[in-house]
Amino acid sequence: MYLRDFQQLIEKMYSHKDRARGPAGTFVWLVEEIGELAAAIGDNKDRANLEEEFADVMAWIATLANVMDVDLTRALEAKYGTGCPGCGKMVCTCNEKP
């Protein structure tokens, strides 16, 4: 599944709830899912749960982007499509971040 298709799928399934909740409420849900992902990473024993939590975080990122009218594919291509935003190379040579 491509990112744009996934974002559109999330929009179709949940937009009636998501837009009513708004950006702030949606962000709270995203943070909760990130916490669940952190717990799954810490546990590191249940691979299926880890994968589910990654999927949930991606779904909430897509949800928040939909609520904020952000096309994730376009945003990612604009920022990372031609290389590192810092050094401009496809294999980053920046020293600022490890």
PDB file of N, CA and C in Angstrom:
ATOM      1  N   MET A   1       0.838  -1.170   0.000  1.00  0.00           N
ATOM      2  CA  MET A   1       0.000   0.000   0.000  1.00  0.00           C
ATOM      3  C   MET A   1       0.892   1.245   0.000  1.00  0.00           C
ATOM      4  N   TYR A   2       0.562   2.170  -0.849  1.00  0.00           N
ATOM      5  CA  TYR A   2       1.286   3.435  -0.906  1.00  0.00           C
ATOM      6  C   TYR A   2       0.759   4.389   0.157  1.00  0.00           C
ATOM      7  N   LEU A   3       1.607   5.311   0.578  1.00  0.00           N
ATOM      8  CA  LEU A   3       1.238   6.244   1.627  1.00  0.00           C
ATOM      9  C   LEU A   3      -0.015   7.030   1.260  1.00  0.00           C
ATOM     10  N   ARG A   4      -0.094   7.534   0.047  1.00  0.00           N
ATOM     11  CA  ARG A   4      -1.273   8.314  -0.358  1.00  0.00           C
ATOM     12  C   ARG A   4      -2.536   7.465  -0.272  1.00  0.00           C
ATOM     13  N   ASP A   5      -2.446   6.201  -0.699  1.00  0.00           N
ATOM     14  CA  ASP A   5      -3.596   5.301  -0.607  1.00  0.00           C
ATOM     15  C   ASP A   5      -3.996   5.077   0.848  1.00  0.00           C
ATOM     16  N   PHE A   6      -3.003   4.911   1.716  1.00  0.00           N
ATOM     17  CA  PHE A   6      -3.276   4.707   3.127  1.00  0.00           C
ATOM     18  C   PHE A   6      -3.950   5.936   3.735  1.00  0.00           C
ATOM     19  N   GLN A   7      -3.441   7.118   3.423  1.00  0.00           N
ATOM     20  CA  GLN A   7      -4.035   8.336   3.956  1.00  0.00           C
ATOM     21  C   GLN A   7      -5.475   8.478   3.480  1.00  0.00           C
ATOM     22  N   GLN A   8      -5.739   8.140   2.233  1.00  0.00           N
ATOM     23  CA  GLN A   8      -7.102   8.214   1.715  1.00  0.00           C
ATOM     24  C   GLN A   8      -8.008   7.162   2.364  1.00  0.00           C
ATOM     25  N   LEU A   9      -7.473   5.985   2.632  1.00  0.00           N
ATOM     26  CA  LEU A   9      -8.231   4.942   3.314  1.00  0.00           C
ATOM     27  C   LEU A   9      -8.645   5.396   4.717  1.00  0.00           C
ATOM     28  N   ILE A  10      -7.705   5.974   5.453  1.00  0.00           N
ATOM     29  CA  ILE A  10      -7.993   6.486   6.794  1.00  0.00           C
ATOM     30  C   ILE A  10      -9.044   7.593   6.710  1.00  0.00           C
ATOM     31  N   GLU A  11      -8.924   8.450   5.723  1.00  0.00           N
ATOM     32  CA  GLU A  11      -9.911   9.524   5.521  1.00  0.00           C
ATOM     33  C   GLU A  11     -11.304   8.933   5.305  1.00  0.00           C
ATOM     34  N   LYS A  12     -11.377   7.922   4.463  1.00  0.00           N
ATOM     35  CA  LYS A  12     -12.675   7.306   4.148  1.00  0.00           C
ATOM     36  C   LYS A  12     -13.281   6.635   5.386  1.00  0.00           C
ATOM     37  N   MET A  13     -12.462   5.928   6.149  1.00  0.00           N
ATOM     38  CA  MET A  13     -12.969   5.174   7.294  1.00  0.00           C
ATOM     39  C   MET A  13     -13.350   6.068   8.470  1.00  0.00           C
ATOM     40  N   TYR A  14     -12.572   7.110   8.721  1.00  0.00           N
ATOM     41  CA  TYR A  14     -12.708   7.802   9.997  1.00  0.00           C
ATOM     42  C   TYR A  14     -12.957   9.303   9.934  1.00  0.00           C
ATOM     43  N   SER A  15     -13.008   9.907   8.755  1.00  0.00           N
ATOM     44  CA  SER A  15     -13.053  11.370   8.693  1.00  0.00           C
ATOM     45  C   SER A  15     -14.254  11.959   9.422  1.00  0.00           C
ATOM     46  N   HIS A  16     -15.382  11.258   9.427  1.00  0.00           N
ATOM     47  CA  HIS A  16     -16.566  11.794  10.105  1.00  0.00           C
ATOM     48  C   HIS A  16     -16.317  11.955  11.603  1.00  0.00           C
ATOM     49  N   LYS A  17     -15.504  11.092  12.199  1.00  0.00           N
ATOM     50  CA  LYS A  17     -15.156  11.205  13.617  1.00  0.00           C
ATOM     51  C   LYS A  17     -13.982  12.167  13.806  1.00  0.00           C
ATOM     52  N   ASP A  18     -12.994  12.058  12.928  1.00  0.00           N
ATOM     53  CA  ASP A  18     -11.754  12.810  13.098  1.00  0.00           C
ATOM     54  C   ASP A  18     -11.969  14.312  13.012  1.00  0.00           C
ATOM     55  N   ARG A  19     -12.725  14.747  12.051  1.00  0.00           N
ATOM     56  CA  ARG A  19     -12.932  16.187  11.876  1.00  0.00           C
ATOM     57  C   ARG A  19     -13.739  16.764  13.037  1.00  0.00           C
ATOM     58  N   ALA A  20     -14.640  15.971  13.586  1.00  0.00           N
ATOM     59  CA  ALA A  20     -15.403  16.430  14.756  1.00  0.00           C
ATOM     60  C   ALA A  20     -14.495  16.569  15.981  1.00  0.00           C
ATOM     61  N   ARG A  21     -13.515  15.683  16.112  1.00  0.00           N
ATOM     62  CA  ARG A  21     -12.582  15.707  17.245  1.00  0.00           C
ATOM     63  C   ARG A  21     -11.632  16.892  17.140  1.00  0.00           C
ATOM     64  N   GLY A  22     -11.245  17.240  15.915  1.00  0.00           N
ATOM     65  CA  GLY A  22     -10.360  18.369  15.684  1.00  0.00           C
ATOM     66  C   GLY A  22      -8.888  18.031  15.890  1.00  0.00           C
ATOM     67  N   PRO A  23      -8.013  18.982  15.554  1.00  0.00           N
ATOM     68  CA  PRO A  23      -6.572  18.745  15.631  1.00  0.00           C
ATOM     69  C   PRO A  23      -6.064  18.447  17.038  1.00  0.00           C
ATOM     70  N   ALA A  24      -6.503  19.202  18.030  1.00  0.00           N
ATOM     71  CA  ALA A  24      -5.975  19.006  19.385  1.00  0.00           C
ATOM     72  C   ALA A  24      -6.351  17.633  19.931  1.00  0.00           C
ATOM     73  N   GLY A  25      -7.607  17.244  19.785  1.00  0.00           N
ATOM     74  CA  GLY A  25      -8.052  15.933  20.255  1.00  0.00           C
ATOM     75  C   GLY A  25      -7.373  14.806  19.503  1.00  0.00           C
ATOM     76  N   THR A  26      -7.168  14.991  18.227  1.00  0.00           N
ATOM     77  CA  THR A  26      -6.491  13.979  17.417  1.00  0.00           C
ATOM     78  C   THR A  26      -5.032  13.846  17.831  1.00  0.00           C
ATOM     79  N   PHE A  27      -4.394  14.955  18.136  1.00  0.00           N
ATOM     80  CA  PHE A  27      -3.005  14.915  18.577  1.00  0.00           C
ATOM     81  C   PHE A  27      -2.874  14.152  19.896  1.00  0.00           C
ATOM     82  N   VAL A  28      -3.831  14.327  20.784  1.00  0.00           N
ATOM     83  CA  VAL A  28      -3.809  13.590  22.052  1.00  0.00           C
ATOM     84  C   VAL A  28      -3.858  12.085  21.794  1.00  0.00           C
ATOM     85  N   TRP A  29      -4.705  11.666  20.859  1.00  0.00           N
ATOM     86  CA  TRP A  29      -4.762  10.236  20.517  1.00  0.00           C
ATOM     87  C   TRP A  29      -3.441   9.758  19.944  1.00  0.00           C
ATOM     88  N   LEU A  30      -2.813  10.573  19.084  1.00  0.00           N
ATOM     89  CA  LEU A  30      -1.518  10.213  18.510  1.00  0.00           C
ATOM     90  C   LEU A  30      -0.479  10.019  19.611  1.00  0.00           C
ATOM     91  N   VAL A  31      -0.439  10.926  20.561  1.00  0.00           N
ATOM     92  CA  VAL A  31       0.530  10.820  21.651  1.00  0.00           C
ATOM     93  C   VAL A  31       0.282   9.558  22.467  1.00  0.00           C
ATOM     94  N   GLU A  32      -0.976   9.226  22.697  1.00  0.00           N
ATOM     95  CA  GLU A  32      -1.303   7.990  23.423  1.00  0.00           C
ATOM     96  C   GLU A  32      -0.773   6.775  22.667  1.00  0.00           C
ATOM     97  N   GLU A  33      -0.957   6.763  21.356  1.00  0.00           N
ATOM     98  CA  GLU A  33      -0.468   5.638  20.552  1.00  0.00           C
ATOM     99  C   GLU A  33       1.060   5.581  20.549  1.00  0.00           C
ATOM    100  N   ILE A  34       1.717   6.721  20.561  1.00  0.00           N
ATOM    101  CA  ILE A  34       3.178   6.736  20.643  1.00  0.00           C
ATOM    102  C   ILE A  34       3.626   6.128  21.970  1.00  0.00           C
ATOM    103  N   GLY A  35       2.891   6.405  23.035  1.00  0.00           N
ATOM    104  CA  GLY A  35       3.183   5.790  24.328  1.00  0.00           C
ATOM    105  C   GLY A  35       3.037   4.277  24.281  1.00  0.00           C
ATOM    106  N   GLU A  36       2.001   3.798  23.612  1.00  0.00           N
ATOM    107  CA  GLU A  36       1.816   2.353  23.466  1.00  0.00           C
ATOM    108  C   GLU A  36       2.937   1.739  22.634  1.00  0.00           C
ATOM    109  N   LEU A  37       3.389   2.461  21.614  1.00  0.00           N
ATOM    110  CA  LEU A  37       4.517   1.985  20.816  1.00  0.00           C
ATOM    111  C   LEU A  37       5.780   1.930  21.673  1.00  0.00           C
ATOM    112  N   ALA A  38       5.989   2.932  22.499  1.00  0.00           N
ATOM    113  CA  ALA A  38       7.154   2.946  23.383  1.00  0.00           C
ATOM    114  C   ALA A  38       7.139   1.734  24.310  1.00  0.00           C
ATOM    115  N   ALA A  39       5.974   1.414  24.844  1.00  0.00           N
ATOM    116  CA  ALA A  39       5.855   0.233  25.716  1.00  0.00           C
ATOM    117  C   ALA A  39       6.155  -1.041  24.946  1.00  0.00           C
ATOM    118  N   ALA A  40       5.679  -1.133  23.722  1.00  0.00           N
ATOM    119  CA  ALA A  40       5.924  -2.326  22.901  1.00  0.00           C
ATOM    120  C   ALA A  40       7.406  -2.454  22.557  1.00  0.00           C
ATOM    121  N   ILE A  41       8.064  -1.331  22.305  1.00  0.00           N
ATOM    122  CA  ILE A  41       9.504  -1.357  22.034  1.00  0.00           C
ATOM    123  C   ILE A  41      10.254  -1.806  23.279  1.00  0.00           C
ATOM    124  N   GLY A  42       9.838  -1.304  24.432  1.00  0.00           N
ATOM    125  CA  GLY A  42      10.473  -1.691  25.689  1.00  0.00           C
ATOM    126  C   GLY A  42      10.291  -3.165  26.004  1.00  0.00           C
ATOM    127  N   ASP A  43       9.117  -3.694  25.680  1.00  0.00           N
ATOM    128  CA  ASP A  43       8.830  -5.113  25.927  1.00  0.00           C
ATOM    129  C   ASP A  43       9.655  -5.983  24.989  1.00  0.00           C
ATOM    130  N   ASN A  44       9.633  -5.650  23.696  1.00  0.00           N
ATOM    131  CA  ASN A  44      10.452  -6.297  22.668  1.00  0.00           C
ATOM    132  C   ASN A  44      10.313  -7.820  22.631  1.00  0.00           C
ATOM    133  N   LYS A  45       9.180  -8.351  23.110  1.00  0.00           N
ATOM    134  CA  LYS A  45       8.971  -9.795  23.076  1.00  0.00           C
ATOM    135  C   LYS A  45       7.806 -10.188  22.183  1.00  0.00           C
ATOM    136  N   ASP A  46       6.858  -9.284  22.008  1.00  0.00           N
ATOM    137  CA  ASP A  46       5.652  -9.583  21.252  1.00  0.00           C
ATOM    138  C   ASP A  46       5.710  -8.848  19.915  1.00  0.00           C
ATOM    139  N   ARG A  47       6.231  -9.522  18.900  1.00  0.00           N
ATOM    140  CA  ARG A  47       6.435  -8.908  17.584  1.00  0.00           C
ATOM    141  C   ARG A  47       5.114  -8.450  16.964  1.00  0.00           C
ATOM    142  N   ALA A  48       4.068  -9.251  17.110  1.00  0.00           N
ATOM    143  CA  ALA A  48       2.773  -8.891  16.535  1.00  0.00           C
ATOM    144  C   ALA A  48       2.252  -7.592  17.152  1.00  0.00           C
ATOM    145  N   ASN A  49       2.376  -7.441  18.469  1.00  0.00           N
ATOM    146  CA  ASN A  49       1.938  -6.217  19.133  1.00  0.00           C
ATOM    147  C   ASN A  49       2.777  -5.032  18.677  1.00  0.00           C
ATOM    148  N   LEU A  50       4.085  -5.223  18.551  1.00  0.00           N
ATOM    149  CA  LEU A  50       4.967  -4.156  18.078  1.00  0.00           C
ATOM    150  C   LEU A  50       4.516  -3.661  16.707  1.00  0.00           C
ATOM    151  N   GLU A  51       4.240  -4.577  15.806  1.00  0.00           N
ATOM    152  CA  GLU A  51       3.797  -4.204  14.460  1.00  0.00           C
ATOM    153  C   GLU A  51       2.447  -3.484  14.497  1.00  0.00           C
ATOM    154  N   GLU A  52       1.539  -3.945  15.357  1.00  0.00           N
ATOM    155  CA  GLU A  52       0.245  -3.279  15.497  1.00  0.00           C
ATOM    156  C   GLU A  52       0.411  -1.852  15.994  1.00  0.00           C
ATOM    157  N   GLU A  53       1.312  -1.652  16.942  1.00  0.00           N
ATOM    158  CA  GLU A  53       1.517  -0.310  17.479  1.00  0.00           C
ATOM    159  C   GLU A  53       2.149   0.621  16.446  1.00  0.00           C
ATOM    160  N   PHE A  54       3.076   0.109  15.637  1.00  0.00           N
ATOM    161  CA  PHE A  54       3.609   0.924  14.541  1.00  0.00           C
ATOM    162  C   PHE A  54       2.480   1.312  13.584  1.00  0.00           C
ATOM    163  N   ALA A  55       1.622   0.362  13.258  1.00  0.00           N
ATOM    164  CA  ALA A  55       0.499   0.636  12.357  1.00  0.00           C
ATOM    165  C   ALA A  55      -0.433   1.680  12.955  1.00  0.00           C
ATOM    166  N   ASP A  56      -0.698   1.570  14.261  1.00  0.00           N
ATOM    167  CA  ASP A  56      -1.570   2.549  14.911  1.00  0.00           C
ATOM    168  C   ASP A  56      -0.975   3.950  14.862  1.00  0.00           C
ATOM    169  N   VAL A  57       0.330   4.069  15.105  1.00  0.00           N
ATOM    170  CA  VAL A  57       0.974   5.383  15.056  1.00  0.00           C
ATOM    171  C   VAL A  57       0.872   5.955  13.644  1.00  0.00           C
ATOM    172  N   MET A  58       1.115   5.123  12.647  1.00  0.00           N
ATOM    173  CA  MET A  58       0.993   5.602  11.270  1.00  0.00           C
ATOM    174  C   MET A  58      -0.436   6.048  10.963  1.00  0.00           C
ATOM    175  N   ALA A  59      -1.416   5.314  11.468  1.00  0.00           N
ATOM    176  CA  ALA A  59      -2.815   5.672  11.236  1.00  0.00           C
ATOM    177  C   ALA A  59      -3.145   7.018  11.871  1.00  0.00           C
ATOM    178  N   TRP A  60      -2.644   7.248  13.066  1.00  0.00           N
ATOM    179  CA  TRP A  60      -2.932   8.525  13.730  1.00  0.00           C
ATOM    180  C   TRP A  60      -2.161   9.687  13.105  1.00  0.00           C
ATOM    181  N   ILE A  61      -0.984   9.430  12.563  1.00  0.00           N
ATOM    182  CA  ILE A  61      -0.269  10.465  11.798  1.00  0.00           C
ATOM    183  C   ILE A  61      -1.101  10.838  10.572  1.00  0.00           C
ATOM    184  N   ALA A  62      -1.601   9.816   9.864  1.00  0.00           N
ATOM    185  CA  ALA A  62      -2.440  10.067   8.689  1.00  0.00           C
ATOM    186  C   ALA A  62      -3.710  10.802   9.085  1.00  0.00           C
ATOM    187  N   THR A  63      -4.293  10.420  10.205  1.00  0.00           N
ATOM    188  CA  THR A  63      -5.508  11.072  10.693  1.00  0.00           C
ATOM    189  C   THR A  63      -5.256  12.547  10.962  1.00  0.00           C
ATOM    190  N   LEU A  64      -4.189  12.839  11.687  1.00  0.00           N
ATOM    191  CA  LEU A  64      -3.883  14.235  12.005  1.00  0.00           C
ATOM    192  C   LEU A  64      -3.606  15.030  10.732  1.00  0.00           C
ATOM    193  N   ALA A  65      -2.892  14.431   9.806  1.00  0.00           N
ATOM    194  CA  ALA A  65      -2.638  15.103   8.530  1.00  0.00           C
ATOM    195  C   ALA A  65      -3.957  15.382   7.803  1.00  0.00           C
ATOM    196  N   ASN A  66      -4.869  14.430   7.809  1.00  0.00           N
ATOM    197  CA  ASN A  66      -6.166  14.647   7.164  1.00  0.00           C
ATOM    198  C   ASN A  66      -6.930  15.786   7.824  1.00  0.00           C
ATOM    199  N   VAL A  67      -6.963  15.789   9.141  1.00  0.00           N
ATOM    200  CA  VAL A  67      -7.675  16.840   9.869  1.00  0.00           C
ATOM    201  C   VAL A  67      -7.071  18.207   9.559  1.00  0.00           C
ATOM    202  N   MET A  68      -5.755  18.248   9.364  1.00  0.00           N
ATOM    203  CA  MET A  68      -5.060  19.508   9.084  1.00  0.00           C
ATOM    204  C   MET A  68      -4.921  19.786   7.581  1.00  0.00           C
ATOM    205  N   ASP A  69      -5.539  18.936   6.751  1.00  0.00           N
ATOM    206  CA  ASP A  69      -5.484  19.080   5.286  1.00  0.00           C
ATOM    207  C   ASP A  69      -4.058  19.100   4.756  1.00  0.00           C
ATOM    208  N   VAL A  70      -3.245  18.150   5.240  1.00  0.00           N
ATOM    209  CA  VAL A  70      -1.869  17.994   4.778  1.00  0.00           C
ATOM    210  C   VAL A  70      -1.764  16.705   3.972  1.00  0.00           C
ATOM    211  N   ASP A  71      -1.290  16.800   2.751  1.00  0.00           N
ATOM    212  CA  ASP A  71      -1.018  15.634   1.925  1.00  0.00           C
ATOM    213  C   ASP A  71       0.370  15.127   2.315  1.00  0.00           C
ATOM    214  N   LEU A  72       0.412  14.005   3.024  1.00  0.00           N
ATOM    215  CA  LEU A  72       1.685  13.489   3.520  1.00  0.00           C
ATOM    216  C   LEU A  72       2.660  13.159   2.403  1.00  0.00           C
ATOM    217  N   THR A  73       2.172  12.594   1.322  1.00  0.00           N
ATOM    218  CA  THR A  73       3.054  12.250   0.213  1.00  0.00           C
ATOM    219  C   THR A  73       3.731  13.503  -0.330  1.00  0.00           C
ATOM    220  N   ARG A  74       2.952  14.537  -0.551  1.00  0.00           N
ATOM    221  CA  ARG A  74       3.510  15.792  -1.070  1.00  0.00           C
ATOM    222  C   ARG A  74       4.488  16.403  -0.063  1.00  0.00           C
ATOM    223  N   ALA A  75       4.136  16.383   1.222  1.00  0.00           N
ATOM    224  CA  ALA A  75       5.009  16.955   2.251  1.00  0.00           C
ATOM    225  C   ALA A  75       6.333  16.202   2.333  1.00  0.00           C
ATOM    226  N   LEU A  76       6.271  14.873   2.282  1.00  0.00           N
ATOM    227  CA  LEU A  76       7.498  14.071   2.352  1.00  0.00           C
ATOM    228  C   LEU A  76       8.369  14.262   1.118  1.00  0.00           C
ATOM    229  N   GLU A  77       7.728  14.285  -0.051  1.00  0.00           N
ATOM    230  CA  GLU A  77       8.492  14.497  -1.281  1.00  0.00           C
ATOM    231  C   GLU A  77       9.167  15.866  -1.276  1.00  0.00           C
ATOM    232  N   ALA A  78       8.451  16.883  -0.798  1.00  0.00           N
ATOM    233  CA  ALA A  78       9.006  18.231  -0.776  1.00  0.00           C
ATOM    234  C   ALA A  78      10.201  18.330   0.171  1.00  0.00           C
ATOM    235  N   LYS A  79      10.116  17.656   1.320  1.00  0.00           N
ATOM    236  CA  LYS A  79      11.189  17.790   2.307  1.00  0.00           C
ATOM    237  C   LYS A  79      12.328  16.815   2.072  1.00  0.00           C
ATOM    238  N   TYR A  80      12.021  15.571   1.692  1.00  0.00           N
ATOM    239  CA  TYR A  80      13.054  14.530   1.624  1.00  0.00           C
ATOM    240  C   TYR A  80      13.269  13.939   0.228  1.00  0.00           C
ATOM    241  N   GLY A  81      12.486  14.353  -0.740  1.00  0.00           N
ATOM    242  CA  GLY A  81      12.520  13.731  -2.054  1.00  0.00           C
ATOM    243  C   GLY A  81      13.806  13.894  -2.836  1.00  0.00           C
ATOM    244  N   THR A  82      14.572  14.926  -2.531  1.00  0.00           N
ATOM    245  CA  THR A  82      15.816  15.142  -3.274  1.00  0.00           C
ATOM    246  C   THR A  82      17.053  14.943  -2.409  1.00  0.00           C
ATOM    247  N   GLY A  83      16.850  14.405  -1.201  1.00  0.00           N
ATOM    248  CA  GLY A  83      17.979  14.148  -0.311  1.00  0.00           C
ATOM    249  C   GLY A  83      17.775  14.767   1.055  1.00  0.00           C
ATOM    250  N   CYS A  84      18.794  14.698   1.849  1.00  0.00           N
ATOM    251  CA  CYS A  84      18.774  15.231   3.208  1.00  0.00           C
ATOM    252  C   CYS A  84      18.464  16.728   3.172  1.00  0.00           C
ATOM    253  N   PRO A  85      17.505  17.180   3.979  1.00  0.00           N
ATOM    254  CA  PRO A  85      17.200  18.609   4.001  1.00  0.00           C
ATOM    255  C   PRO A  85      18.379  19.461   4.487  1.00  0.00           C
ATOM    256  N   GLY A  86      19.305  18.861   5.217  1.00  0.00           N
ATOM    257  CA  GLY A  86      20.458  19.612   5.721  1.00  0.00           C
ATOM    258  C   GLY A  86      21.573  19.745   4.715  1.00  0.00           C
ATOM    259  N   CYS A  87      22.074  18.597   4.250  1.00  0.00           N
ATOM    260  CA  CYS A  87      23.238  18.622   3.352  1.00  0.00           C
ATOM    261  C   CYS A  87      22.860  18.443   1.884  1.00  0.00           C
ATOM    262  N   GLY A  88      21.639  18.016   1.617  1.00  0.00           N
ATOM    263  CA  GLY A  88      21.183  17.833   0.245  1.00  0.00           C
ATOM    264  C   GLY A  88      21.618  16.541  -0.404  1.00  0.00           C
ATOM    265  N   LYS A  89      22.304  15.677   0.329  1.00  0.00           N
ATOM    266  CA  LYS A  89      22.794  14.418  -0.241  1.00  0.00           C
ATOM    267  C   LYS A  89      21.840  13.272   0.073  1.00  0.00           C
ATOM    268  N   MET A  90      21.828  12.268  -0.806  1.00  0.00           N
ATOM    269  CA  MET A  90      20.971  11.108  -0.583  1.00  0.00           C
ATOM    270  C   MET A  90      21.459  10.264   0.592  1.00  0.00           C
ATOM    271  N   VAL A  91      22.733  10.234   0.831  1.00  0.00           N
ATOM    272  CA  VAL A  91      23.291   9.617   2.030  1.00  0.00           C
ATOM    273  C   VAL A  91      23.813  10.773   2.879  1.00  0.00           C
ATOM    274  N   CYS A  92      23.102  11.038   3.967  1.00  0.00           N
ATOM    275  CA  CYS A  92      23.376  12.213   4.791  1.00  0.00           C
ATOM    276  C   CYS A  92      24.814  12.240   5.313  1.00  0.00           C
ATOM    277  N   THR A  93      25.407  13.425   5.210  1.00  0.00           N
ATOM    278  CA  THR A  93      26.747  13.643   5.761  1.00  0.00           C
ATOM    279  C   THR A  93      26.723  14.753   6.824  1.00  0.00           C
ATOM    280  N   CYS A  94      25.539  15.116   7.296  1.00  0.00           N
ATOM    281  CA  CYS A  94      25.418  16.152   8.324  1.00  0.00           C
ATOM    282  C   CYS A  94      26.050  15.664   9.631  1.00  0.00           C
ATOM    283  N   ASN A  95      26.607  16.605  10.358  1.00  0.00           N
ATOM    284  CA  ASN A  95      27.197  16.281  11.649  1.00  0.00           C
ATOM    285  C   ASN A  95      26.322  16.689  12.821  1.00  0.00           C
ATOM    286  N   GLU A  96      25.237  17.440  12.573  1.00  0.00           N
ATOM    287  CA  GLU A  96      24.408  17.961  13.658  1.00  0.00           C
ATOM    288  C   GLU A  96      23.659  16.862  14.406  1.00  0.00           C
ATOM    289  N   LYS A  97      23.109  15.884  13.684  1.00  0.00           N
ATOM    290  CA  LYS A  97      22.311  14.825  14.300  1.00  0.00           C
ATOM    291  C   LYS A  97      22.948  13.471  14.007  1.00  0.00           C
ATOM    292  N   PRO A  98      23.022  12.641  15.034  1.00  0.00           N
ATOM    293  CA  PRO A  98      23.630  11.310  14.797  1.00  0.00           C
ATOM    294  C   PRO A  98      22.756  10.426  13.933  1.00  0.00           C
TER     295      PRO A  98
END
